[in-house]
Amino acid sequence: MVESSRDGVQSWTESMSARDRIRAVVDTLREPRSVNWISEQADAAWSTTNEELQDLVDQGQLRRVEAGETTCYQPDYTRLLFEEIRTLIETNTREELRNELTAITEEIEEWQATYDIETWEELEQSLADGDLTSAELRERRDVITQWEENLDDRRLIRHALELYSDVKAARDQMIDVADRTMR
């Protein structure tokens, strides 16, 4: 939303502080961006934006990268990955994660059988087939997108299952320590 146009941003900027707007812009980053770009998108002063970005770097939420003579900021993708895995573990049981993994695998197997292919790349190559109607092309493009998303989800779910016991044990230990502290 934020990266697409300043017109769509106007409504949320009125009710948020400059720092909140900066953080909202940062949450949408998909590629490194300069202080100037973030400041403009957030409709915030350059100095406020720079200060907030430095705070986010210090907190480990952003990474500073040099692009020529310009300093840019991007999300800490490693941190985001682990947050996603942690959220999966905290909001799902092992059985739910296993069931989702099974559903993803079944869906991919259905596409493999339907299109007589093994990978989404093979399906993508079939788009060049001159005999396909526009509806068939659209359908295949949609399947390719879903297939890629499924592979990403499957990867995350596998990581969550691998780390499930460790994360739960760490969380239980934190709760135990907090309970002992409260007594």
N, C-alpha and C. Protein backbone atom coordinates (compact mmCIF):
# COMPACT_ATOMS: atom_id res chain seq x y z
N MET A 1 0.83 -1.20 0.00
CA MET A 1 0.00 0.00 0.00
C MET A 1 0.87 1.25 0.00
N VAL A 2 1.83 1.31 0.88
CA VAL A 2 2.62 2.53 1.02
C VAL A 2 3.50 2.75 -0.20
N GLU A 3 4.08 1.67 -0.73
CA GLU A 3 5.01 1.85 -1.84
C GLU A 3 4.31 2.27 -3.11
N SER A 4 3.01 2.01 -3.25
CA SER A 4 2.35 2.24 -4.52
C SER A 4 2.02 3.71 -4.79
N SER A 5 1.49 4.43 -3.81
CA SER A 5 1.18 5.83 -4.09
C SER A 5 0.95 6.62 -2.82
N ARG A 6 1.27 7.88 -2.90
CA ARG A 6 1.07 8.74 -1.73
C ARG A 6 -0.41 9.05 -1.53
N ASP A 7 -1.23 8.95 -2.57
CA ASP A 7 -2.66 9.24 -2.42
C ASP A 7 -3.32 8.28 -1.44
N GLY A 8 -2.97 7.00 -1.52
CA GLY A 8 -3.56 6.00 -0.63
C GLY A 8 -3.06 6.11 0.79
N VAL A 9 -1.95 6.81 0.99
CA VAL A 9 -1.36 6.93 2.31
C VAL A 9 -2.02 8.04 3.12
N GLN A 10 -2.59 9.01 2.44
CA GLN A 10 -3.10 10.20 3.11
C GLN A 10 -4.01 9.89 4.29
N SER A 11 -4.93 8.93 4.18
CA SER A 11 -5.90 8.69 5.24
C SER A 11 -5.25 8.18 6.52
N TRP A 12 -4.22 7.31 6.44
CA TRP A 12 -3.63 6.81 7.67
C TRP A 12 -2.61 7.76 8.24
N THR A 13 -2.09 8.68 7.46
CA THR A 13 -1.08 9.59 8.00
C THR A 13 -1.68 10.61 8.95
N GLU A 14 -2.93 10.91 8.78
CA GLU A 14 -3.55 11.93 9.62
C GLU A 14 -3.69 11.50 11.07
N SER A 15 -3.86 10.19 11.31
CA SER A 15 -4.12 9.73 12.68
C SER A 15 -2.89 9.12 13.35
N MET A 16 -1.74 9.15 12.69
CA MET A 16 -0.54 8.53 13.25
C MET A 16 0.55 9.58 13.48
N SER A 17 1.38 9.30 14.49
CA SER A 17 2.53 10.17 14.71
C SER A 17 3.54 9.95 13.60
N ALA A 18 4.50 10.86 13.48
CA ALA A 18 5.53 10.73 12.45
C ALA A 18 6.30 9.42 12.62
N ARG A 19 6.64 9.08 13.85
CA ARG A 19 7.38 7.84 14.10
C ARG A 19 6.55 6.61 13.73
N ASP A 20 5.26 6.65 14.02
CA ASP A 20 4.38 5.54 13.64
C ASP A 20 4.29 5.41 12.13
N ARG A 21 4.23 6.55 11.44
CA ARG A 21 4.18 6.52 9.97
C ARG A 21 5.47 5.95 9.39
N ILE A 22 6.60 6.33 9.99
CA ILE A 22 7.90 5.82 9.53
C ILE A 22 7.93 4.30 9.71
N ARG A 23 7.51 3.83 10.86
CA ARG A 23 7.50 2.38 11.11
C ARG A 23 6.53 1.67 10.16
N ALA A 24 5.41 2.30 9.84
CA ALA A 24 4.46 1.70 8.90
C ALA A 24 5.09 1.56 7.52
N VAL A 25 5.83 2.57 7.10
CA VAL A 25 6.52 2.51 5.80
C VAL A 25 7.57 1.41 5.84
N VAL A 26 8.35 1.38 6.91
CA VAL A 26 9.41 0.38 7.05
C VAL A 26 8.83 -1.04 6.99
N ASP A 27 7.65 -1.23 7.57
CA ASP A 27 7.02 -2.56 7.56
C ASP A 27 6.68 -3.04 6.15
N THR A 28 6.60 -2.12 5.19
CA THR A 28 6.25 -2.51 3.82
C THR A 28 7.47 -2.69 2.92
N LEU A 29 8.66 -2.39 3.43
CA LEU A 29 9.85 -2.44 2.58
C LEU A 29 10.11 -3.84 2.04
N ARG A 30 10.37 -3.92 0.76
CA ARG A 30 10.72 -5.17 0.11
C ARG A 30 12.10 -5.08 -0.54
N GLU A 31 12.66 -3.87 -0.52
CA GLU A 31 13.99 -3.64 -1.08
C GLU A 31 14.60 -2.47 -0.31
N PRO A 32 15.91 -2.35 -0.33
CA PRO A 32 16.56 -1.25 0.40
C PRO A 32 16.05 0.11 -0.09
N ARG A 33 15.83 1.02 0.87
CA ARG A 33 15.35 2.37 0.55
C ARG A 33 16.13 3.39 1.35
N SER A 34 16.26 4.59 0.78
CA SER A 34 17.02 5.66 1.43
C SER A 34 16.16 6.38 2.48
N VAL A 35 16.86 7.16 3.31
CA VAL A 35 16.17 7.99 4.31
C VAL A 35 15.21 8.93 3.58
N ASN A 36 15.68 9.54 2.50
CA ASN A 36 14.83 10.47 1.75
C ASN A 36 13.55 9.81 1.27
N TRP A 37 13.66 8.61 0.72
CA TRP A 37 12.48 7.92 0.19
C TRP A 37 11.51 7.59 1.33
N ILE A 38 12.05 7.05 2.42
CA ILE A 38 11.20 6.68 3.56
C ILE A 38 10.56 7.91 4.17
N SER A 39 11.34 8.99 4.28
CA SER A 39 10.83 10.25 4.83
C SER A 39 9.67 10.78 3.98
N GLU A 40 9.84 10.73 2.66
CA GLU A 40 8.80 11.21 1.75
C GLU A 40 7.53 10.35 1.86
N GLN A 41 7.71 9.04 1.88
CA GLN A 41 6.56 8.14 1.96
C GLN A 41 5.81 8.30 3.28
N ALA A 42 6.55 8.54 4.36
CA ALA A 42 5.95 8.67 5.68
C ALA A 42 5.45 10.08 5.96
N ASP A 43 5.75 11.01 5.05
CA ASP A 43 5.40 12.40 5.25
C ASP A 43 5.93 12.88 6.61
N ALA A 44 7.22 12.61 6.81
CA ALA A 44 7.88 12.95 8.07
C ALA A 44 9.16 13.72 7.77
N ALA A 45 9.60 14.50 8.74
CA ALA A 45 10.84 15.27 8.59
C ALA A 45 12.01 14.32 8.42
N TRP A 46 12.99 14.75 7.62
CA TRP A 46 14.16 13.93 7.37
C TRP A 46 14.87 13.57 8.68
N SER A 47 15.02 14.55 9.56
CA SER A 47 15.74 14.31 10.82
C SER A 47 15.01 13.29 11.69
N THR A 48 13.69 13.38 11.75
CA THR A 48 12.91 12.41 12.53
C THR A 48 13.04 11.03 11.92
N THR A 49 12.97 10.97 10.59
CA THR A 49 13.08 9.69 9.90
C THR A 49 14.45 9.07 10.14
N ASN A 50 15.50 9.87 9.99
CA ASN A 50 16.86 9.38 10.20
C ASN A 50 17.03 8.85 11.62
N GLU A 51 16.53 9.60 12.59
CA GLU A 51 16.65 9.19 14.00
C GLU A 51 15.89 7.88 14.25
N GLU A 52 14.69 7.78 13.70
CA GLU A 52 13.87 6.56 13.90
C GLU A 52 14.53 5.36 13.22
N LEU A 53 15.09 5.56 12.03
CA LEU A 53 15.76 4.47 11.33
C LEU A 53 16.99 4.01 12.12
N GLN A 54 17.72 4.95 12.71
CA GLN A 54 18.87 4.57 13.54
C GLN A 54 18.42 3.74 14.74
N ASP A 55 17.30 4.15 15.35
CA ASP A 55 16.76 3.38 16.48
C ASP A 55 16.38 1.97 16.05
N LEU A 56 15.76 1.84 14.89
CA LEU A 56 15.35 0.53 14.39
C LEU A 56 16.57 -0.34 14.05
N VAL A 57 17.64 0.27 13.58
CA VAL A 57 18.88 -0.47 13.34
C VAL A 57 19.45 -0.94 14.68
N ASP A 58 19.47 -0.05 15.67
CA ASP A 58 20.00 -0.40 16.99
C ASP A 58 19.19 -1.53 17.63
N GLN A 59 17.88 -1.57 17.36
CA GLN A 59 17.01 -2.62 17.90
C GLN A 59 17.08 -3.92 17.10
N GLY A 60 17.79 -3.89 15.99
CA GLY A 60 17.93 -5.08 15.17
C GLY A 60 16.77 -5.33 14.21
N GLN A 61 15.90 -4.34 14.05
CA GLN A 61 14.76 -4.51 13.16
C GLN A 61 15.08 -4.15 11.71
N LEU A 62 16.09 -3.34 11.52
CA LEU A 62 16.52 -2.93 10.18
C LEU A 62 18.01 -3.15 10.04
N ARG A 63 18.42 -3.25 8.79
CA ARG A 63 19.85 -3.30 8.47
C ARG A 63 20.18 -2.11 7.59
N ARG A 64 21.34 -1.55 7.85
CA ARG A 64 21.83 -0.43 7.05
C ARG A 64 22.72 -1.02 5.96
N VAL A 65 22.48 -0.62 4.72
CA VAL A 65 23.30 -1.11 3.60
C VAL A 65 23.76 0.09 2.79
N GLU A 66 24.96 -0.02 2.26
CA GLU A 66 25.50 1.06 1.44
C GLU A 66 25.23 0.75 -0.02
N ALA A 67 24.62 1.69 -0.71
CA ALA A 67 24.35 1.56 -2.15
C ALA A 67 25.05 2.72 -2.84
N GLY A 68 26.32 2.50 -3.18
CA GLY A 68 27.10 3.59 -3.74
C GLY A 68 27.39 4.60 -2.65
N GLU A 69 26.98 5.84 -2.89
CA GLU A 69 27.18 6.90 -1.90
C GLU A 69 25.96 7.08 -1.00
N THR A 70 24.94 6.27 -1.20
CA THR A 70 23.70 6.40 -0.45
C THR A 70 23.57 5.28 0.58
N THR A 71 23.15 5.67 1.77
CA THR A 71 22.85 4.68 2.81
C THR A 71 21.38 4.32 2.68
N CYS A 72 21.12 3.03 2.62
CA CYS A 72 19.74 2.55 2.51
C CYS A 72 19.44 1.63 3.69
N TYR A 73 18.16 1.37 3.87
CA TYR A 73 17.70 0.54 4.97
C TYR A 73 16.80 -0.54 4.42
N GLN A 74 16.95 -1.74 5.00
CA GLN A 74 16.12 -2.86 4.60
C GLN A 74 15.79 -3.68 5.83
N PRO A 75 14.73 -4.46 5.77
CA PRO A 75 14.40 -5.31 6.91
C PRO A 75 15.50 -6.33 7.18
N ASP A 76 15.58 -6.79 8.40
CA ASP A 76 16.48 -7.88 8.74
C ASP A 76 15.73 -9.16 8.39
N TYR A 77 16.03 -9.70 7.21
CA TYR A 77 15.28 -10.83 6.70
C TYR A 77 15.44 -12.08 7.56
N THR A 78 16.59 -12.24 8.20
CA THR A 78 16.79 -13.38 9.09
C THR A 78 15.85 -13.29 10.27
N ARG A 79 15.75 -12.11 10.83
CA ARG A 79 14.85 -11.91 11.97
C ARG A 79 13.41 -12.16 11.56
N LEU A 80 13.02 -11.67 10.39
CA LEU A 80 11.66 -11.88 9.90
C LEU A 80 11.36 -13.37 9.73
N LEU A 81 12.33 -14.12 9.21
CA LEU A 81 12.16 -15.56 9.03
C LEU A 81 11.90 -16.23 10.37
N PHE A 82 12.72 -15.93 11.36
CA PHE A 82 12.54 -16.56 12.66
C PHE A 82 11.25 -16.11 13.34
N GLU A 83 10.82 -14.88 13.12
CA GLU A 83 9.54 -14.43 13.66
C GLU A 83 8.38 -15.20 13.04
N GLU A 84 8.47 -15.44 11.72
CA GLU A 84 7.43 -16.22 11.06
C GLU A 84 7.38 -17.64 11.61
N ILE A 85 8.54 -18.25 11.78
CA ILE A 85 8.59 -19.62 12.32
C ILE A 85 8.04 -19.64 13.74
N ARG A 86 8.43 -18.66 14.54
CA ARG A 86 7.94 -18.59 15.92
C ARG A 86 6.42 -18.43 15.95
N THR A 87 5.88 -17.59 15.08
CA THR A 87 4.44 -17.40 15.02
C THR A 87 3.73 -18.69 14.64
N LEU A 88 4.28 -19.41 13.67
CA LEU A 88 3.70 -20.70 13.28
C LEU A 88 3.65 -21.65 14.47
N ILE A 89 4.72 -21.71 15.23
CA ILE A 89 4.79 -22.61 16.37
C ILE A 89 3.83 -22.18 17.47
N GLU A 90 3.76 -20.89 17.73
CA GLU A 90 2.92 -20.40 18.82
C GLU A 90 1.42 -20.45 18.50
N THR A 91 1.08 -20.44 17.21
CA THR A 91 -0.35 -20.39 16.85
C THR A 91 -0.88 -21.70 16.31
N ASN A 92 -0.02 -22.73 16.23
CA ASN A 92 -0.45 -24.02 15.69
C ASN A 92 0.10 -25.16 16.53
N THR A 93 -0.67 -26.23 16.59
CA THR A 93 -0.15 -27.44 17.21
C THR A 93 0.71 -28.16 16.18
N ARG A 94 1.47 -29.11 16.65
CA ARG A 94 2.27 -29.92 15.71
C ARG A 94 1.35 -30.58 14.69
N GLU A 95 0.24 -31.11 15.17
CA GLU A 95 -0.69 -31.81 14.28
C GLU A 95 -1.24 -30.88 13.21
N GLU A 96 -1.55 -29.65 13.57
CA GLU A 96 -2.04 -28.68 12.58
C GLU A 96 -0.97 -28.39 11.53
N LEU A 97 0.27 -28.27 11.96
CA LEU A 97 1.36 -28.04 11.01
C LEU A 97 1.55 -29.25 10.10
N ARG A 98 1.47 -30.43 10.66
CA ARG A 98 1.59 -31.65 9.84
C ARG A 98 0.45 -31.73 8.82
N ASN A 99 -0.76 -31.40 9.27
CA ASN A 99 -1.91 -31.44 8.37
C ASN A 99 -1.76 -30.44 7.23
N GLU A 100 -1.24 -29.26 7.54
CA GLU A 100 -1.04 -28.25 6.50
C GLU A 100 0.04 -28.71 5.52
N LEU A 101 1.08 -29.32 6.03
CA LEU A 101 2.13 -29.87 5.17
C LEU A 101 1.57 -30.93 4.24
N THR A 102 0.69 -31.78 4.76
CA THR A 102 0.04 -32.81 3.94
C THR A 102 -0.84 -32.17 2.88
N ALA A 103 -1.62 -31.16 3.25
CA ALA A 103 -2.51 -30.49 2.30
C ALA A 103 -1.71 -29.83 1.17
N ILE A 104 -0.61 -29.21 1.52
CA ILE A 104 0.24 -28.58 0.50
C ILE A 104 0.79 -29.63 -0.46
N THR A 105 1.28 -30.72 0.10
CA THR A 105 1.84 -31.79 -0.74
C THR A 105 0.78 -32.38 -1.65
N GLU A 106 -0.43 -32.59 -1.13
CA GLU A 106 -1.52 -33.12 -1.95
C GLU A 106 -1.87 -32.17 -3.09
N GLU A 107 -1.91 -30.87 -2.80
CA GLU A 107 -2.23 -29.90 -3.84
C GLU A 107 -1.17 -29.90 -4.94
N ILE A 108 0.08 -29.95 -4.56
CA ILE A 108 1.16 -29.99 -5.55
C ILE A 108 1.07 -31.27 -6.38
N GLU A 109 0.79 -32.38 -5.73
CA GLU A 109 0.66 -33.66 -6.45
C GLU A 109 -0.50 -33.61 -7.44
N GLU A 110 -1.60 -32.94 -7.07
CA GLU A 110 -2.73 -32.79 -7.99
C GLU A 110 -2.32 -31.99 -9.23
N TRP A 111 -1.57 -30.92 -9.04
CA TRP A 111 -1.11 -30.13 -10.17
C TRP A 111 -0.15 -30.94 -11.04
N GLN A 112 0.71 -31.71 -10.40
CA GLN A 112 1.63 -32.54 -11.17
C GLN A 112 0.86 -33.53 -12.05
N ALA A 113 -0.17 -34.12 -11.49
CA ALA A 113 -0.98 -35.09 -12.24
C ALA A 113 -1.81 -34.40 -13.32
N THR A 114 -2.42 -33.28 -12.98
CA THR A 114 -3.28 -32.55 -13.91
C THR A 114 -2.51 -32.10 -15.14
N TYR A 115 -1.33 -31.57 -14.93
CA TYR A 115 -0.55 -31.00 -16.03
C TYR A 115 0.56 -31.92 -16.53
N ASP A 116 0.68 -33.11 -15.91
CA ASP A 116 1.70 -34.10 -16.28
C ASP A 116 3.10 -33.49 -16.28
N ILE A 117 3.43 -32.88 -15.14
CA ILE A 117 4.72 -32.21 -14.94
C ILE A 117 5.22 -32.51 -13.54
N GLU A 118 6.45 -32.13 -13.26
CA GLU A 118 7.03 -32.33 -11.93
C GLU A 118 7.21 -31.02 -11.15
N THR A 119 7.48 -29.90 -11.86
CA THR A 119 7.80 -28.64 -11.19
C THR A 119 6.96 -27.50 -11.75
N TRP A 120 6.89 -26.42 -10.96
CA TRP A 120 6.16 -25.24 -11.44
C TRP A 120 6.89 -24.63 -12.64
N GLU A 121 8.21 -24.82 -12.71
CA GLU A 121 8.97 -24.29 -13.85
C GLU A 121 8.53 -24.93 -15.16
N GLU A 122 8.24 -26.24 -15.11
CA GLU A 122 7.75 -26.93 -16.30
C GLU A 122 6.38 -26.38 -16.71
N LEU A 123 5.56 -26.08 -15.70
CA LEU A 123 4.25 -25.50 -16.00
C LEU A 123 4.43 -24.11 -16.62
N GLU A 124 5.39 -23.37 -16.12
CA GLU A 124 5.66 -22.04 -16.67
C GLU A 124 6.10 -22.14 -18.13
N GLN A 125 6.90 -23.12 -18.45
CA GLN A 125 7.34 -23.32 -19.82
C GLN A 125 6.16 -23.63 -20.75
N SER A 126 5.13 -24.26 -20.20
CA SER A 126 3.96 -24.61 -21.02
C SER A 126 3.14 -23.38 -21.41
N LEU A 127 3.40 -22.24 -20.77
CA LEU A 127 2.67 -21.02 -21.13
C LEU A 127 2.96 -20.58 -22.56
N ALA A 128 4.09 -21.00 -23.07
CA ALA A 128 4.46 -20.64 -24.45
C ALA A 128 3.71 -21.48 -25.49
N ASP A 129 2.97 -22.48 -25.04
CA ASP A 129 2.22 -23.33 -25.96
C ASP A 129 1.14 -22.50 -26.65
N GLY A 130 1.22 -22.40 -27.94
CA GLY A 130 0.30 -21.57 -28.72
C GLY A 130 -1.13 -22.07 -28.76
N ASP A 131 -1.39 -23.28 -28.29
CA ASP A 131 -2.73 -23.85 -28.34
C ASP A 131 -3.58 -23.50 -27.12
N LEU A 132 -3.03 -22.82 -26.13
CA LEU A 132 -3.77 -22.53 -24.90
C LEU A 132 -4.66 -21.31 -25.08
N THR A 133 -5.86 -21.38 -24.49
CA THR A 133 -6.77 -20.23 -24.51
C THR A 133 -6.33 -19.24 -23.44
N SER A 134 -6.90 -18.06 -23.47
CA SER A 134 -6.54 -17.06 -22.46
C SER A 134 -6.97 -17.55 -21.07
N ALA A 135 -8.08 -18.25 -20.97
CA ALA A 135 -8.53 -18.78 -19.67
C ALA A 135 -7.55 -19.83 -19.16
N GLU A 136 -7.05 -20.68 -20.05
CA GLU A 136 -6.08 -21.70 -19.65
C GLU A 136 -4.76 -21.05 -19.22
N LEU A 137 -4.36 -20.01 -19.92
CA LEU A 137 -3.14 -19.28 -19.55
C LEU A 137 -3.29 -18.66 -18.16
N ARG A 138 -4.44 -18.01 -17.93
CA ARG A 138 -4.69 -17.40 -16.62
C ARG A 138 -4.68 -18.45 -15.52
N GLU A 139 -5.33 -19.57 -15.78
CA GLU A 139 -5.39 -20.65 -14.79
C GLU A 139 -3.99 -21.15 -14.46
N ARG A 140 -3.18 -21.37 -15.48
CA ARG A 140 -1.82 -21.86 -15.25
C ARG A 140 -0.97 -20.83 -14.52
N ARG A 141 -1.13 -19.56 -14.84
CA ARG A 141 -0.40 -18.52 -14.12
C ARG A 141 -0.79 -18.50 -12.65
N ASP A 142 -2.09 -18.65 -12.38
CA ASP A 142 -2.56 -18.70 -10.99
C ASP A 142 -1.98 -19.91 -10.25
N VAL A 143 -1.95 -21.05 -10.93
CA VAL A 143 -1.39 -22.26 -10.33
C VAL A 143 0.09 -22.06 -10.03
N ILE A 144 0.82 -21.45 -10.95
CA ILE A 144 2.25 -21.20 -10.73
C ILE A 144 2.45 -20.33 -9.48
N THR A 145 1.66 -19.28 -9.36
CA THR A 145 1.76 -18.40 -8.18
C THR A 145 1.46 -19.17 -6.91
N GLN A 146 0.38 -19.96 -6.91
CA GLN A 146 0.02 -20.75 -5.73
C GLN A 146 1.08 -21.80 -5.41
N TRP A 147 1.63 -22.40 -6.45
CA TRP A 147 2.66 -23.42 -6.27
C TRP A 147 3.89 -22.82 -5.59
N GLU A 148 4.32 -21.66 -6.07
CA GLU A 148 5.48 -20.99 -5.46
C GLU A 148 5.19 -20.64 -4.00
N GLU A 149 3.98 -20.14 -3.72
CA GLU A 149 3.60 -19.82 -2.34
C GLU A 149 3.58 -21.08 -1.48
N ASN A 150 3.07 -22.17 -2.04
CA ASN A 150 3.05 -23.44 -1.31
C ASN A 150 4.45 -23.91 -0.96
N LEU A 151 5.38 -23.75 -1.89
CA LEU A 151 6.76 -24.17 -1.61
C LEU A 151 7.36 -23.33 -0.48
N ASP A 152 7.09 -22.02 -0.49
CA ASP A 152 7.56 -21.17 0.60
C ASP A 152 6.93 -21.57 1.93
N ASP A 153 5.61 -21.80 1.91
CA ASP A 153 4.91 -22.22 3.13
C ASP A 153 5.43 -23.56 3.63
N ARG A 154 5.66 -24.49 2.70
CA ARG A 154 6.15 -25.81 3.08
C ARG A 154 7.52 -25.70 3.75
N ARG A 155 8.36 -24.85 3.20
CA ARG A 155 9.69 -24.64 3.78
C ARG A 155 9.57 -24.09 5.21
N LEU A 156 8.71 -23.10 5.40
CA LEU A 156 8.52 -22.53 6.74
C LEU A 156 7.94 -23.55 7.72
N ILE A 157 6.97 -24.31 7.26
CA ILE A 157 6.35 -25.31 8.13
C ILE A 157 7.36 -26.39 8.51
N ARG A 158 8.19 -26.80 7.57
CA ARG A 158 9.23 -27.79 7.89
C ARG A 158 10.18 -27.25 8.96
N HIS A 159 10.59 -25.99 8.80
CA HIS A 159 11.46 -25.38 9.82
C HIS A 159 10.74 -25.33 11.16
N ALA A 160 9.47 -24.96 11.15
CA ALA A 160 8.70 -24.87 12.39
C ALA A 160 8.62 -26.24 13.07
N LEU A 161 8.39 -27.28 12.30
CA LEU A 161 8.33 -28.62 12.88
C LEU A 161 9.69 -29.05 13.44
N GLU A 162 10.76 -28.70 12.74
CA GLU A 162 12.10 -29.04 13.21
C GLU A 162 12.43 -28.34 14.53
N LEU A 163 11.96 -27.12 14.68
CA LEU A 163 12.29 -26.31 15.86
C LEU A 163 11.20 -26.33 16.93
N TYR A 164 10.10 -27.01 16.68
CA TYR A 164 8.92 -26.97 17.54
C TYR A 164 9.26 -27.24 19.01
N SER A 165 9.92 -28.35 19.28
CA SER A 165 10.24 -28.71 20.67
C SER A 165 11.14 -27.69 21.33
N ASP A 166 12.14 -27.22 20.61
CA ASP A 166 13.07 -26.24 21.17
C ASP A 166 12.37 -24.93 21.52
N VAL A 167 11.52 -24.44 20.63
CA VAL A 167 10.82 -23.17 20.87
C VAL A 167 9.83 -23.32 22.02
N LYS A 168 9.10 -24.42 22.04
CA LYS A 168 8.15 -24.65 23.13
C LYS A 168 8.89 -24.76 24.47
N ALA A 169 10.02 -25.45 24.49
CA ALA A 169 10.79 -25.60 25.73
C ALA A 169 11.30 -24.24 26.21
N ALA A 170 11.79 -23.42 25.29
CA ALA A 170 12.28 -22.09 25.65
C ALA A 170 11.14 -21.23 26.17
N ARG A 171 9.97 -21.31 25.53
CA ARG A 171 8.81 -20.54 25.98
C ARG A 171 8.35 -20.99 27.36
N ASP A 172 8.30 -22.31 27.58
CA ASP A 172 7.90 -22.84 28.88
C ASP A 172 8.88 -22.41 29.97
N GLN A 173 10.18 -22.37 29.62
CA GLN A 173 11.19 -21.94 30.58
C GLN A 173 10.98 -20.47 30.94
N MET A 174 10.64 -19.64 29.95
CA MET A 174 10.38 -18.22 30.22
C MET A 174 9.18 -18.07 31.14
N ILE A 175 8.14 -18.86 30.91
CA ILE A 175 6.93 -18.79 31.74
C ILE A 175 7.24 -19.24 33.16
N ASP A 176 8.04 -20.31 33.31
CA ASP A 176 8.43 -20.79 34.63
C ASP A 176 9.20 -19.73 35.40
N VAL A 177 10.15 -19.08 34.73
CA VAL A 177 10.95 -18.03 35.37
C VAL A 177 10.05 -16.86 35.77
N ALA A 178 9.13 -16.49 34.89
CA ALA A 178 8.21 -15.39 35.21
C ALA A 178 7.32 -15.75 36.38
N ASP A 179 6.85 -16.99 36.44
CA ASP A 179 6.00 -17.43 37.56
C ASP A 179 6.76 -17.39 38.87
N ARG A 180 8.03 -17.84 38.87
CA ARG A 180 8.84 -17.83 40.07
C ARG A 180 9.13 -16.40 40.53
N THR A 181 9.29 -15.50 39.58
CA THR A 181 9.57 -14.10 39.90
C THR A 181 8.35 -13.44 40.53
N MET A 182 7.17 -13.83 40.09
CA MET A 182 5.93 -13.22 40.58
C MET A 182 5.58 -13.69 41.99
N ARG A 183 6.14 -14.79 42.43
CA ARG A 183 5.78 -15.33 43.76
C ARG A 183 6.47 -14.63 44.85
